[in-house]
Amino acid sequence: MKLNAHTKLLALFGWPVEHSLSPDMHNAAFEEKGLNYCYLAIPVRPEALADAVRGVRAWNVRGVNITVPHKEKVIPFLDELDKEAQFIGAVNTIVNNEGKLKGYNTDGRGFMQSLKEENIQVKGKNVLILGAGGGSRAISYYLSQEAKRLSIYDIDREKLNALVRDLKKIRENVRAVEGMDSIKEEHVVINATPLGLKESDPLPLDPSLLNGDVVVGDLIYRETPFQKKAREMGLKTFNGLGMLLWQGVLASELWTGMRPPSETMRKALLRGMTK
């Protein structure tokens, strides 16, 4: 990739971001398409988020991806939200149009596309999401419209109840759960917490509590101890790599106005996983 005075800058804001494969994915696509863009991963401490967003305007950065822990907290610093991001209450993509910053959320649509690729059916199923943060908000927006029953668990009851209250504006099949009393009734269980980013993290749930036909998913795109244990038990599992790919495809379209080469992006992600 040749950088020059015409190169348009894109970035990922998060804390931490050193593990991210987004630069591999996006830069591979730009190179194949001959687009003069450069995508960087920039670690942004929570207390520096406002300054980082001001930098997007000051440096005329074309767009930004937002990851944990900033997806909800970035909203007050933006000028506008699209309808989907407004309802979800979390942003993973920002587009800068001549200093006006508009927030989008492509996570949910990316997640649903990844389920389709994995041939995982959620329509008419009981689904449990662990966590009520930004990632959970994005996927629950769509899962609530497909699942027979959507259960959500989080130790932060205030955050959990707020999410369930918002989702009930769409469908009445959503509930907050306090424990795992009905865990055997679930058909799909998805970890949407950060637990698993570090090997030392505790499991978000003991897979031995699940029934033998359950599908176990994780929004983290590398195999976590949770995923590994579920797989070793013979359960069908999937991670967040497909979601990462397809949310990136949709974000790239917003920035460039062009459909990126998804297979090139997928191959870049897989290469990055082996590093």
Protein backbone atom coordinates (compact mmCIF):
# COMPACT_ATOMS: atom_id res chain seq x y z
CA MET A 1 0.00 0.00 0.00
CA LYS A 2 1.47 3.36 -1.06
CA LEU A 3 0.67 6.30 1.21
CA ASN A 4 0.64 9.84 -0.12
CA ALA A 5 -0.95 13.23 0.43
CA HIS A 6 -4.28 11.94 -0.95
CA THR A 7 -4.57 8.94 1.39
CA LYS A 8 -7.82 8.86 3.36
CA LEU A 9 -7.47 7.77 6.97
CA LEU A 10 -9.71 5.28 8.78
CA ALA A 11 -9.27 4.04 12.32
CA LEU A 12 -10.44 1.75 15.08
CA PHE A 13 -10.95 3.25 18.55
CA GLY A 14 -10.99 0.91 21.53
CA TRP A 15 -9.21 -0.09 24.72
CA PRO A 16 -7.42 -2.36 24.16
CA VAL A 17 -7.02 -2.77 20.37
CA GLU A 18 -3.66 -4.55 20.07
CA HIS A 19 -5.44 -7.84 19.39
CA SER A 20 -7.56 -6.45 16.54
CA LEU A 21 -7.56 -7.97 13.05
CA SER A 22 -9.57 -5.11 11.55
CA PRO A 23 -6.51 -3.40 10.01
CA ASP A 24 -5.54 -6.67 8.26
CA MET A 25 -9.05 -7.09 6.90
CA HIS A 26 -9.70 -3.56 5.67
CA ASN A 27 -6.24 -2.79 4.29
CA ALA A 28 -6.24 -6.04 2.29
CA ALA A 29 -9.55 -5.01 0.71
CA PHE A 30 -8.35 -1.48 -0.10
CA GLU A 31 -5.18 -2.83 -1.69
CA GLU A 32 -7.09 -5.26 -3.91
CA LYS A 33 -9.56 -2.59 -5.02
CA GLY A 34 -6.83 0.03 -5.53
CA LEU A 35 -8.46 2.42 -3.05
CA ASN A 36 -6.23 5.04 -1.42
CA TYR A 37 -7.28 4.38 2.18
CA CYS A 38 -5.29 3.41 5.27
CA TYR A 39 -6.86 1.79 8.34
CA LEU A 40 -5.15 1.99 11.75
CA ALA A 41 -5.94 0.55 15.18
CA ILE A 42 -5.62 3.33 17.78
CA PRO A 43 -5.79 2.57 21.51
CA VAL A 44 -8.04 5.17 23.15
CA ARG A 45 -8.32 5.27 26.93
CA PRO A 46 -11.88 5.83 28.20
CA GLU A 47 -10.99 9.25 29.60
CA ALA A 48 -9.54 10.29 26.21
CA LEU A 49 -12.56 9.38 24.06
CA ALA A 50 -13.86 12.95 23.67
CA ASP A 51 -10.41 14.13 22.55
CA ALA A 52 -10.14 11.24 20.10
CA VAL A 53 -13.46 12.14 18.49
CA ARG A 54 -12.39 15.78 18.22
CA GLY A 55 -9.31 14.46 16.44
CA VAL A 56 -11.53 12.79 13.83
CA ARG A 57 -12.83 16.22 12.86
CA ALA A 58 -9.48 17.98 13.19
CA TRP A 59 -7.60 15.44 11.06
CA ASN A 60 -10.48 14.94 8.62
CA VAL A 61 -10.48 11.19 9.30
CA ARG A 62 -12.96 9.65 6.85
CA GLY A 63 -14.38 7.11 9.28
CA VAL A 64 -13.91 5.17 12.49
CA ASN A 65 -14.88 1.82 13.91
CA ILE A 66 -15.73 1.82 17.60
CA THR A 67 -15.17 -1.18 19.84
CA VAL A 68 -15.28 -1.91 23.58
CA PRO A 69 -15.59 -0.04 25.85
CA HIS A 70 -16.69 2.96 23.75
CA LYS A 71 -19.73 1.80 21.73
CA GLU A 72 -22.28 3.48 23.96
CA LYS A 73 -20.17 6.26 25.44
CA VAL A 74 -19.21 7.72 22.04
CA ILE A 75 -22.79 8.71 21.19
CA PRO A 76 -22.86 12.13 22.95
CA PHE A 77 -19.89 13.25 20.84
CA LEU A 78 -21.61 12.61 17.49
CA ASP A 79 -23.84 14.87 15.42
CA GLU A 80 -26.33 12.29 14.22
CA LEU A 81 -27.32 8.63 14.53
CA ASP A 82 -29.02 6.45 11.98
CA LYS A 83 -32.31 4.88 13.08
CA GLU A 84 -30.80 1.47 13.89
CA ALA A 85 -27.97 2.84 16.03
CA GLN A 86 -30.38 5.15 17.81
CA PHE A 87 -32.59 2.28 18.88
CA ILE A 88 -29.70 -0.01 19.80
CA GLY A 89 -28.02 2.76 21.77
CA ALA A 90 -24.57 1.75 20.58
CA VAL A 91 -22.34 2.71 17.65
CA ASN A 92 -19.64 0.66 15.95
CA THR A 93 -19.12 2.80 12.84
CA ILE A 94 -18.74 6.55 12.33
CA VAL A 95 -18.75 8.32 8.97
CA ASN A 96 -17.25 11.80 8.71
CA ASN A 97 -18.89 13.93 6.03
CA GLU A 98 -17.07 17.27 5.99
CA GLY A 99 -16.88 17.46 9.76
CA LYS A 100 -20.36 16.07 10.47
CA LEU A 101 -20.11 12.76 12.30
CA LYS A 102 -22.89 10.21 11.87
CA GLY A 103 -23.02 7.00 13.89
CA TYR A 104 -24.14 3.61 12.61
CA ASN A 105 -24.29 0.09 13.97
CA THR A 106 -23.42 -2.71 11.55
CA ASP A 107 -22.81 -5.35 14.25
CA GLY A 108 -26.31 -6.79 14.31
CA ARG A 109 -26.64 -7.19 10.57
CA GLY A 110 -23.13 -8.63 10.44
CA PHE A 111 -24.01 -11.12 13.16
CA MET A 112 -27.16 -12.31 11.39
CA GLN A 113 -25.23 -12.78 8.14
CA SER A 114 -22.67 -14.89 10.03
CA LEU A 115 -25.45 -17.11 11.41
CA LYS A 116 -26.74 -17.61 7.89
CA GLU A 117 -23.27 -18.66 6.73
CA GLU A 118 -22.97 -21.13 9.61
CA ASN A 119 -26.45 -22.52 8.83
CA ILE A 120 -27.59 -21.74 12.37
CA GLN A 121 -31.34 -21.30 12.70
CA VAL A 122 -32.71 -19.01 15.40
CA LYS A 123 -36.23 -18.56 14.06
CA GLY A 124 -38.64 -20.12 16.52
CA LYS A 125 -35.84 -21.03 18.95
CA ASN A 126 -35.13 -20.10 22.56
CA VAL A 127 -32.03 -17.90 22.66
CA LEU A 128 -29.99 -16.78 25.68
CA ILE A 129 -27.55 -13.86 25.50
CA LEU A 130 -24.98 -13.42 28.27
CA GLY A 131 -24.29 -9.71 28.68
CA ALA A 132 -26.29 -6.53 28.06
CA GLY A 133 -23.61 -4.22 26.68
CA GLY A 134 -23.18 -2.72 23.22
CA GLY A 135 -22.61 -6.03 21.42
CA SER A 136 -25.64 -7.57 23.08
CA ARG A 137 -27.79 -4.58 22.16
CA ALA A 138 -26.83 -4.92 18.50
CA ILE A 139 -27.56 -8.62 18.13
CA SER A 140 -30.64 -8.67 20.39
CA TYR A 141 -32.26 -6.04 18.16
CA TYR A 142 -32.40 -8.67 15.41
CA LEU A 143 -32.63 -11.86 17.47
CA SER A 144 -35.75 -10.60 19.25
CA GLN A 145 -37.48 -10.49 15.88
CA GLU A 146 -36.50 -14.08 15.02
CA ALA A 147 -36.41 -16.06 18.25
CA LYS A 148 -39.40 -17.68 19.93
CA ARG A 149 -38.04 -16.37 23.24
CA LEU A 150 -35.02 -14.17 23.91
CA SER A 151 -33.53 -14.29 27.42
CA ILE A 152 -30.76 -11.93 28.52
CA TYR A 153 -28.54 -12.15 31.59
CA ASP A 154 -26.16 -9.59 33.07
CA ILE A 155 -24.85 -8.95 36.58
CA ASP A 156 -25.53 -5.24 35.97
CA ARG A 157 -29.28 -5.29 36.56
CA GLU A 158 -29.78 -1.65 35.65
CA LYS A 159 -28.17 -2.11 32.24
CA LEU A 160 -30.03 -5.39 31.73
CA ASN A 161 -33.45 -3.97 32.59
CA ALA A 162 -32.88 -0.96 30.34
CA LEU A 163 -32.07 -3.23 27.38
CA VAL A 164 -35.09 -5.47 27.96
CA ARG A 165 -37.35 -2.44 28.33
CA ASP A 166 -36.13 -1.06 24.99
CA LEU A 167 -36.50 -4.40 23.22
CA LYS A 168 -40.05 -4.87 24.43
CA LYS A 169 -40.97 -1.88 22.27
CA ILE A 170 -40.37 -4.24 19.32
CA ARG A 171 -41.39 -7.65 20.65
CA GLU A 172 -42.87 -9.04 23.84
CA ASN A 173 -40.82 -12.26 23.69
CA VAL A 174 -37.85 -10.72 25.58
CA ARG A 175 -37.11 -11.29 29.24
CA ALA A 176 -34.41 -10.56 31.79
CA VAL A 177 -33.20 -13.60 33.74
CA GLU A 178 -31.54 -13.61 37.14
CA GLY A 179 -30.16 -17.14 37.06
CA MET A 180 -29.79 -20.25 34.94
CA ASP A 181 -32.90 -22.08 36.16
CA SER A 182 -34.25 -22.59 32.62
CA ILE A 183 -30.89 -23.13 30.92
CA LYS A 184 -31.87 -26.60 29.66
CA GLU A 185 -34.65 -25.00 27.60
CA GLU A 186 -32.26 -22.88 25.53
CA HIS A 187 -31.42 -23.81 21.94
CA VAL A 188 -28.77 -21.13 21.33
CA VAL A 189 -26.51 -19.51 23.95
CA ILE A 190 -24.32 -16.53 23.02
CA ASN A 191 -21.58 -14.94 25.10
CA ALA A 192 -21.69 -11.18 24.49
CA THR A 193 -19.48 -10.30 27.49
CA PRO A 194 -15.73 -9.52 27.31
CA LEU A 195 -15.01 -12.70 29.31
CA GLY A 196 -12.60 -14.75 27.22
CA LEU A 197 -10.51 -11.92 25.81
CA LYS A 198 -7.91 -12.98 28.37
CA GLU A 199 -7.01 -16.60 29.08
CA SER A 200 -7.25 -15.88 32.81
CA ASP A 201 -10.90 -14.79 32.57
CA PRO A 202 -13.51 -16.97 34.27
CA LEU A 203 -16.04 -18.75 32.06
CA PRO A 204 -19.21 -16.71 31.47
CA LEU A 205 -21.17 -19.94 31.91
CA ASP A 206 -20.34 -23.57 32.64
CA PRO A 207 -21.18 -25.42 29.38
CA SER A 208 -21.92 -28.61 31.35
CA LEU A 209 -25.19 -26.94 32.44
CA LEU A 210 -26.46 -26.89 28.84
CA ASN A 211 -28.46 -29.50 27.00
CA GLY A 212 -26.69 -31.64 24.42
CA ASP A 213 -28.35 -30.05 21.39
CA VAL A 214 -27.56 -26.43 22.19
CA VAL A 215 -25.50 -24.20 19.88
CA VAL A 216 -22.89 -22.15 21.75
CA GLY A 217 -21.72 -18.85 20.27
CA ASP A 218 -19.30 -16.11 21.25
CA LEU A 219 -18.86 -12.58 19.92
CA ILE A 220 -15.10 -12.84 20.56
CA TYR A 221 -13.52 -13.93 17.31
CA ARG A 222 -10.78 -16.16 18.66
CA GLU A 223 -11.64 -19.46 20.36
CA THR A 224 -12.14 -18.72 24.04
CA PRO A 225 -11.89 -21.19 26.95
CA PHE A 226 -15.70 -21.13 26.97
CA GLN A 227 -15.83 -22.12 23.31
CA LYS A 228 -13.12 -24.72 23.71
CA LYS A 229 -14.85 -26.45 26.60
CA ALA A 230 -18.18 -26.46 24.76
CA ARG A 231 -16.54 -27.90 21.64
CA GLU A 232 -14.77 -30.60 23.66
CA MET A 233 -18.17 -31.56 25.08
CA GLY A 234 -19.39 -32.15 21.52
CA LEU A 235 -21.56 -29.04 21.29
CA LYS A 236 -21.83 -27.08 18.05
CA THR A 237 -19.96 -23.78 18.46
CA PHE A 238 -19.28 -20.61 16.52
CA ASN A 239 -17.20 -17.55 17.32
CA GLY A 240 -17.37 -13.90 16.32
CA LEU A 241 -15.12 -14.10 13.26
CA GLY A 242 -18.06 -14.09 10.84
CA MET A 243 -19.64 -11.15 12.63
CA LEU A 244 -16.32 -9.28 12.47
CA LEU A 245 -16.11 -9.93 8.74
CA TRP A 246 -19.64 -8.86 7.82
CA GLN A 247 -19.85 -5.83 10.08
CA GLY A 248 -16.60 -4.75 8.40
CA VAL A 249 -18.03 -5.28 4.93
CA LEU A 250 -20.99 -3.08 5.80
CA ALA A 251 -18.80 -0.42 7.44
CA SER A 252 -16.50 -0.27 4.42
CA GLU A 253 -19.49 0.32 2.17
CA LEU A 254 -20.50 3.29 4.31
CA TRP A 255 -17.02 4.84 4.07
CA THR A 256 -16.23 4.19 0.41
CA GLY A 257 -19.60 3.78 -1.29
CA MET A 258 -18.31 0.51 -2.78
CA ARG A 259 -18.91 -3.15 -1.94
CA PRO A 260 -15.57 -4.52 -0.68
CA PRO A 261 -14.20 -7.96 -1.64
CA SER A 262 -15.53 -10.05 1.27
CA GLU A 263 -13.49 -13.15 0.44
CA THR A 264 -10.27 -11.13 0.44
CA MET A 265 -11.26 -9.74 3.83
CA ARG A 266 -12.03 -13.23 5.13
CA LYS A 267 -8.65 -14.57 4.00
CA ALA A 268 -6.89 -11.64 5.67
CA LEU A 269 -8.69 -12.41 8.93
CA LEU A 270 -7.73 -16.09 8.76
CA ARG A 271 -4.09 -15.17 8.08
CA GLY A 272 -4.18 -12.80 11.03
CA MET A 273 -5.52 -15.57 13.27
CA THR A 274 -2.36 -17.61 12.67
CA LYS A 275 0.04 -14.81 13.68
